Amino acid sequence: MDKKRLEYYKKKLVARREELLRGIARTEQEGRAADEDPTVDLADKAANSYTKEFLFGQTHNDRALLQLVDDALARIRENTFGECISCHEELQQKRLEAVPWTRYCIGCQEKNERGQL
C-alpha cells in the first residue's frame, strides 16, 4: 500500500479512536450520574438500573471496537496494515474504506464467523 493511502487510513483510524474515547468517557459519566440519583421509588430505581446496564453494554462494545482500532494502528506501524492476518492476502479497498480496522478479508471473516478459523 502506498504511503498516501496508508496516511489516509491512519488519520481515519485516529479520528475514530478519539471519537470512541469521547463516547466511552461520556457513557461512563452518564452511568455515574444515574448512580447518584437519590431515587426512592422502586420503579425509578429499576429504570436507573436498566439505564446503567444499557450504558455498561454500550461501553463494552465501544471498548471492543477501540481495541480493534488500536490493533489496526499497530499494524500500520508494523507495515502489515491492509493484509488479512489469516491468509495474508491484500484486503479490498472497498472493505478497508467501510471498515478500516478490519483484520480479515471477506473469505476469512466468513470462516471466522462460522468458527472455522
N, C-alpha and C. Protein backbone atom coordinates (compact mmCIF):
# COMPACT_ATOMS: atom_id res chain seq x y z
N MET A 1 0.85 -1.18 0.00
CA MET A 1 0.00 0.00 0.00
C MET A 1 0.90 1.24 0.00
N ASP A 2 0.52 2.22 -0.78
CA ASP A 2 1.35 3.42 -0.87
C ASP A 2 1.20 4.29 0.39
N LYS A 3 2.18 5.15 0.62
CA LYS A 3 2.23 5.95 1.85
C LYS A 3 1.05 6.90 1.97
N LYS A 4 0.61 7.45 0.84
CA LYS A 4 -0.50 8.41 0.87
C LYS A 4 -1.78 7.72 1.35
N ARG A 5 -2.06 6.54 0.83
CA ARG A 5 -3.26 5.79 1.23
C ARG A 5 -3.14 5.33 2.68
N LEU A 6 -1.94 4.92 3.08
CA LEU A 6 -1.70 4.49 4.45
C LEU A 6 -1.94 5.65 5.43
N GLU A 7 -1.48 6.83 5.06
CA GLU A 7 -1.68 8.01 5.90
C GLU A 7 -3.17 8.35 5.99
N TYR A 8 -3.89 8.18 4.89
CA TYR A 8 -5.34 8.41 4.87
C TYR A 8 -6.04 7.51 5.89
N TYR A 9 -5.71 6.22 5.87
CA TYR A 9 -6.33 5.28 6.80
C TYR A 9 -5.89 5.57 8.25
N LYS A 10 -4.67 5.97 8.42
CA LYS A 10 -4.19 6.30 9.77
C LYS A 10 -4.99 7.47 10.34
N LYS A 11 -5.20 8.51 9.54
CA LYS A 11 -5.99 9.66 10.01
C LYS A 11 -7.42 9.24 10.32
N LYS A 12 -7.97 8.40 9.48
CA LYS A 12 -9.34 7.91 9.69
C LYS A 12 -9.43 7.11 10.98
N LEU A 13 -8.46 6.25 11.23
CA LEU A 13 -8.45 5.43 12.44
C LEU A 13 -8.23 6.28 13.69
N VAL A 14 -7.33 7.25 13.62
CA VAL A 14 -7.07 8.12 14.77
C VAL A 14 -8.33 8.92 15.11
N ALA A 15 -9.03 9.42 14.09
CA ALA A 15 -10.27 10.16 14.33
C ALA A 15 -11.31 9.26 14.98
N ARG A 16 -11.43 8.03 14.51
CA ARG A 16 -12.40 7.09 15.08
C ARG A 16 -12.02 6.75 16.52
N ARG A 17 -10.72 6.62 16.78
CA ARG A 17 -10.24 6.32 18.13
C ARG A 17 -10.62 7.45 19.10
N GLU A 18 -10.40 8.69 18.68
CA GLU A 18 -10.74 9.83 19.52
C GLU A 18 -12.24 9.91 19.77
N GLU A 19 -13.02 9.61 18.73
CA GLU A 19 -14.47 9.60 18.87
C GLU A 19 -14.92 8.53 19.88
N LEU A 20 -14.32 7.36 19.79
CA LEU A 20 -14.65 6.29 20.73
C LEU A 20 -14.27 6.65 22.16
N LEU A 21 -13.10 7.24 22.34
CA LEU A 21 -12.66 7.63 23.68
C LEU A 21 -13.61 8.66 24.29
N ARG A 22 -14.05 9.63 23.48
CA ARG A 22 -15.01 10.62 23.97
C ARG A 22 -16.33 9.95 24.34
N GLY A 23 -16.77 9.03 23.50
CA GLY A 23 -18.03 8.32 23.77
C GLY A 23 -17.97 7.48 25.02
N ILE A 24 -16.86 6.80 25.22
CA ILE A 24 -16.68 5.98 26.42
C ILE A 24 -16.70 6.86 27.67
N ALA A 25 -15.99 7.97 27.63
CA ALA A 25 -15.94 8.88 28.78
C ALA A 25 -17.34 9.44 29.07
N ARG A 26 -18.07 9.81 28.03
CA ARG A 26 -19.42 10.36 28.20
C ARG A 26 -20.35 9.29 28.79
N THR A 27 -20.26 8.08 28.27
CA THR A 27 -21.12 7.00 28.76
C THR A 27 -20.83 6.66 30.22
N GLU A 28 -19.54 6.64 30.58
CA GLU A 28 -19.18 6.38 31.98
C GLU A 28 -19.72 7.48 32.89
N GLN A 29 -19.65 8.73 32.42
CA GLN A 29 -20.16 9.85 33.21
C GLN A 29 -21.67 9.73 33.39
N GLU A 30 -22.37 9.34 32.32
CA GLU A 30 -23.83 9.16 32.42
C GLU A 30 -24.17 8.03 33.38
N GLY A 31 -23.35 6.97 33.37
CA GLY A 31 -23.57 5.86 34.30
C GLY A 31 -23.39 6.30 35.75
N ARG A 32 -22.38 7.13 35.99
CA ARG A 32 -22.16 7.65 37.34
C ARG A 32 -23.31 8.56 37.76
N ALA A 33 -23.79 9.37 36.82
CA ALA A 33 -24.90 10.28 37.12
C ALA A 33 -26.16 9.49 37.48
N ALA A 34 -26.39 8.37 36.80
CA ALA A 34 -27.55 7.53 37.12
C ALA A 34 -27.40 6.93 38.51
N ASP A 35 -26.17 6.67 38.92
CA ASP A 35 -25.89 6.12 40.25
C ASP A 35 -26.19 7.13 41.35
N GLU A 36 -25.95 8.40 41.06
CA GLU A 36 -26.07 9.44 42.08
C GLU A 36 -27.50 9.91 42.29
N ASP A 37 -28.42 9.45 41.45
CA ASP A 37 -29.81 9.88 41.56
C ASP A 37 -30.41 9.33 42.86
N PRO A 38 -30.79 10.22 43.78
CA PRO A 38 -31.30 9.75 45.08
C PRO A 38 -32.78 9.35 45.02
N THR A 39 -33.09 8.42 44.15
CA THR A 39 -34.47 7.99 43.96
C THR A 39 -34.89 7.03 45.06
N VAL A 40 -36.13 7.18 45.47
CA VAL A 40 -36.64 6.26 46.48
C VAL A 40 -37.71 5.36 45.89
N ASP A 41 -38.30 5.77 44.79
CA ASP A 41 -39.34 4.98 44.15
C ASP A 41 -38.74 3.73 43.51
N LEU A 42 -39.36 2.59 43.74
CA LEU A 42 -38.86 1.32 43.23
C LEU A 42 -38.81 1.29 41.70
N ALA A 43 -39.79 1.85 41.04
CA ALA A 43 -39.83 1.88 39.57
C ALA A 43 -38.68 2.73 39.03
N ASP A 44 -38.42 3.85 39.69
CA ASP A 44 -37.31 4.71 39.26
C ASP A 44 -35.97 4.01 39.45
N LYS A 45 -35.85 3.27 40.56
CA LYS A 45 -34.61 2.52 40.79
C LYS A 45 -34.41 1.46 39.71
N ALA A 46 -35.49 0.80 39.33
CA ALA A 46 -35.41 -0.21 38.27
C ALA A 46 -35.02 0.44 36.95
N ALA A 47 -35.58 1.60 36.65
CA ALA A 47 -35.25 2.31 35.42
C ALA A 47 -33.78 2.73 35.43
N ASN A 48 -33.31 3.20 36.58
CA ASN A 48 -31.90 3.59 36.69
C ASN A 48 -30.98 2.39 36.52
N SER A 49 -31.38 1.27 37.08
CA SER A 49 -30.59 0.04 36.95
C SER A 49 -30.52 -0.39 35.49
N TYR A 50 -31.65 -0.33 34.80
CA TYR A 50 -31.68 -0.68 33.38
C TYR A 50 -30.78 0.27 32.59
N THR A 51 -30.84 1.55 32.89
CA THR A 51 -30.02 2.55 32.19
C THR A 51 -28.55 2.26 32.40
N LYS A 52 -28.17 1.97 33.65
CA LYS A 52 -26.77 1.66 33.93
C LYS A 52 -26.32 0.41 33.18
N GLU A 53 -27.16 -0.60 33.14
CA GLU A 53 -26.83 -1.85 32.44
C GLU A 53 -26.69 -1.60 30.94
N PHE A 54 -27.58 -0.79 30.38
CA PHE A 54 -27.51 -0.44 28.97
C PHE A 54 -26.21 0.31 28.67
N LEU A 55 -25.90 1.29 29.50
CA LEU A 55 -24.68 2.08 29.31
C LEU A 55 -23.43 1.20 29.45
N PHE A 56 -23.46 0.25 30.38
CA PHE A 56 -22.34 -0.67 30.53
C PHE A 56 -22.14 -1.49 29.26
N GLY A 57 -23.22 -1.99 28.69
CA GLY A 57 -23.14 -2.75 27.44
C GLY A 57 -22.60 -1.91 26.30
N GLN A 58 -23.04 -0.67 26.23
CA GLN A 58 -22.56 0.24 25.19
C GLN A 58 -21.07 0.51 25.36
N THR A 59 -20.63 0.72 26.57
CA THR A 59 -19.22 0.95 26.84
C THR A 59 -18.40 -0.27 26.46
N HIS A 60 -18.91 -1.45 26.78
CA HIS A 60 -18.21 -2.69 26.45
C HIS A 60 -18.01 -2.79 24.93
N ASN A 61 -19.06 -2.53 24.17
CA ASN A 61 -18.96 -2.58 22.71
C ASN A 61 -17.97 -1.54 22.18
N ASP A 62 -18.03 -0.34 22.73
CA ASP A 62 -17.11 0.72 22.30
C ASP A 62 -15.66 0.35 22.63
N ARG A 63 -15.44 -0.27 23.78
CA ARG A 63 -14.08 -0.68 24.16
C ARG A 63 -13.56 -1.79 23.24
N ALA A 64 -14.44 -2.69 22.84
CA ALA A 64 -14.03 -3.76 21.92
C ALA A 64 -13.65 -3.16 20.56
N LEU A 65 -14.44 -2.20 20.10
CA LEU A 65 -14.12 -1.53 18.83
C LEU A 65 -12.84 -0.71 18.96
N LEU A 66 -12.65 -0.07 20.10
CA LEU A 66 -11.43 0.68 20.35
C LEU A 66 -10.21 -0.22 20.26
N GLN A 67 -10.32 -1.43 20.78
CA GLN A 67 -9.20 -2.38 20.70
C GLN A 67 -8.90 -2.74 19.24
N LEU A 68 -9.94 -2.92 18.44
CA LEU A 68 -9.73 -3.22 17.02
C LEU A 68 -9.06 -2.06 16.30
N VAL A 69 -9.46 -0.84 16.65
CA VAL A 69 -8.84 0.36 16.05
C VAL A 69 -7.38 0.45 16.47
N ASP A 70 -7.11 0.23 17.75
CA ASP A 70 -5.72 0.26 18.23
C ASP A 70 -4.88 -0.82 17.54
N ASP A 71 -5.46 -2.00 17.35
CA ASP A 71 -4.75 -3.07 16.65
C ASP A 71 -4.43 -2.67 15.21
N ALA A 72 -5.37 -2.00 14.54
CA ALA A 72 -5.16 -1.56 13.17
C ALA A 72 -4.04 -0.51 13.11
N LEU A 73 -4.02 0.40 14.09
CA LEU A 73 -2.94 1.39 14.14
C LEU A 73 -1.59 0.71 14.37
N ALA A 74 -1.58 -0.34 15.17
CA ALA A 74 -0.34 -1.10 15.39
C ALA A 74 0.11 -1.77 14.09
N ARG A 75 -0.85 -2.29 13.32
CA ARG A 75 -0.49 -2.90 12.03
C ARG A 75 0.07 -1.87 11.06
N ILE A 76 -0.40 -0.63 11.15
CA ILE A 76 0.18 0.43 10.32
C ILE A 76 1.63 0.63 10.70
N ARG A 77 1.90 0.69 12.00
CA ARG A 77 3.29 0.88 12.47
C ARG A 77 4.18 -0.29 12.06
N GLU A 78 3.59 -1.49 12.01
CA GLU A 78 4.37 -2.69 11.67
C GLU A 78 4.41 -2.98 10.17
N ASN A 79 3.80 -2.09 9.37
CA ASN A 79 3.73 -2.25 7.92
C ASN A 79 3.00 -3.52 7.49
N THR A 80 2.00 -3.94 8.24
CA THR A 80 1.19 -5.09 7.85
C THR A 80 -0.26 -4.70 7.63
N PHE A 81 -0.56 -3.41 7.71
CA PHE A 81 -1.92 -2.94 7.52
C PHE A 81 -2.33 -3.17 6.06
N GLY A 82 -3.57 -3.61 5.87
CA GLY A 82 -4.08 -3.81 4.53
C GLY A 82 -3.95 -5.23 4.04
N GLU A 83 -3.46 -6.11 4.92
CA GLU A 83 -3.40 -7.52 4.55
C GLU A 83 -4.13 -8.34 5.61
N CYS A 84 -4.77 -9.40 5.16
CA CYS A 84 -5.52 -10.29 6.04
C CYS A 84 -4.54 -10.96 7.01
N ILE A 85 -4.90 -10.99 8.30
CA ILE A 85 -4.00 -11.60 9.28
C ILE A 85 -4.03 -13.12 9.23
N SER A 86 -4.97 -13.67 8.47
CA SER A 86 -5.06 -15.12 8.36
C SER A 86 -4.37 -15.64 7.10
N CYS A 87 -4.82 -15.15 5.94
CA CYS A 87 -4.28 -15.69 4.68
C CYS A 87 -3.21 -14.78 4.06
N HIS A 88 -3.02 -13.60 4.63
CA HIS A 88 -2.01 -12.62 4.21
C HIS A 88 -2.24 -12.07 2.80
N GLU A 89 -3.48 -12.21 2.29
CA GLU A 89 -3.84 -11.59 1.03
C GLU A 89 -4.15 -10.11 1.28
N GLU A 90 -4.01 -9.30 0.24
CA GLU A 90 -4.32 -7.88 0.36
C GLU A 90 -5.83 -7.69 0.51
N LEU A 91 -6.21 -6.81 1.45
CA LEU A 91 -7.63 -6.54 1.66
C LEU A 91 -8.15 -5.63 0.56
N GLN A 92 -9.42 -5.81 0.20
CA GLN A 92 -10.03 -4.99 -0.83
C GLN A 92 -10.18 -3.56 -0.33
N GLN A 93 -9.96 -2.59 -1.22
CA GLN A 93 -10.05 -1.18 -0.84
C GLN A 93 -11.45 -0.82 -0.35
N LYS A 94 -12.49 -1.39 -0.98
CA LYS A 94 -13.86 -1.10 -0.53
C LYS A 94 -14.06 -1.57 0.90
N ARG A 95 -13.50 -2.70 1.24
CA ARG A 95 -13.63 -3.24 2.60
C ARG A 95 -12.90 -2.34 3.60
N LEU A 96 -11.70 -1.93 3.25
CA LEU A 96 -10.94 -1.03 4.13
C LEU A 96 -11.62 0.32 4.28
N GLU A 97 -12.24 0.78 3.22
CA GLU A 97 -12.93 2.07 3.28
C GLU A 97 -14.12 1.98 4.25
N ALA A 98 -14.84 0.87 4.19
CA ALA A 98 -16.01 0.70 5.05
C ALA A 98 -15.63 0.38 6.49
N VAL A 99 -14.62 -0.48 6.67
CA VAL A 99 -14.22 -0.94 8.00
C VAL A 99 -12.69 -0.93 8.06
N PRO A 100 -12.08 0.23 8.26
CA PRO A 100 -10.61 0.29 8.22
C PRO A 100 -9.91 -0.50 9.32
N TRP A 101 -10.61 -0.90 10.36
CA TRP A 101 -10.00 -1.68 11.45
C TRP A 101 -10.13 -3.18 11.22
N THR A 102 -10.64 -3.57 10.05
CA THR A 102 -10.84 -4.99 9.79
C THR A 102 -9.51 -5.74 9.80
N ARG A 103 -9.57 -6.99 10.25
CA ARG A 103 -8.37 -7.82 10.30
C ARG A 103 -8.36 -8.88 9.21
N TYR A 104 -9.54 -9.19 8.70
CA TYR A 104 -9.68 -10.30 7.77
C TYR A 104 -10.24 -9.86 6.42
N CYS A 105 -9.88 -10.61 5.38
CA CYS A 105 -10.53 -10.45 4.08
C CYS A 105 -11.95 -11.02 4.23
N ILE A 106 -12.78 -10.83 3.25
CA ILE A 106 -14.16 -11.29 3.36
C ILE A 106 -14.24 -12.80 3.56
N GLY A 107 -13.47 -13.56 2.80
CA GLY A 107 -13.49 -15.01 2.92
C GLY A 107 -13.09 -15.49 4.30
N CYS A 108 -12.02 -14.94 4.84
CA CYS A 108 -11.56 -15.34 6.18
C CYS A 108 -12.52 -14.84 7.26
N GLN A 109 -13.13 -13.67 7.05
CA GLN A 109 -14.12 -13.16 8.01
C GLN A 109 -15.30 -14.12 8.09
N GLU A 110 -15.76 -14.61 6.94
CA GLU A 110 -16.87 -15.56 6.94
C GLU A 110 -16.48 -16.85 7.66
N LYS A 111 -15.26 -17.33 7.43
CA LYS A 111 -14.79 -18.52 8.12
C LYS A 111 -14.73 -18.28 9.63
N ASN A 112 -14.25 -17.10 10.01
CA ASN A 112 -14.14 -16.75 11.42
C ASN A 112 -15.51 -16.73 12.08
N GLU A 113 -16.49 -16.18 11.40
CA GLU A 113 -17.83 -16.10 11.96
C GLU A 113 -18.49 -17.48 12.08
N ARG A 114 -18.09 -18.42 11.23
CA ARG A 114 -18.61 -19.79 11.30
C ARG A 114 -17.79 -20.63 12.28
N GLY A 115 -16.74 -20.06 12.86
CA GLY A 115 -15.91 -20.78 13.80
C GLY A 115 -14.92 -21.72 13.14
N GLN A 116 -14.62 -21.48 11.88
CA GLN A 116 -13.71 -22.34 11.14
C GLN A 116 -12.29 -21.78 11.07
N LEU A 117 -12.05 -20.68 11.71
CA LEU A 117 -10.73 -20.07 11.64
C LEU A 117 -10.06 -20.07 13.00
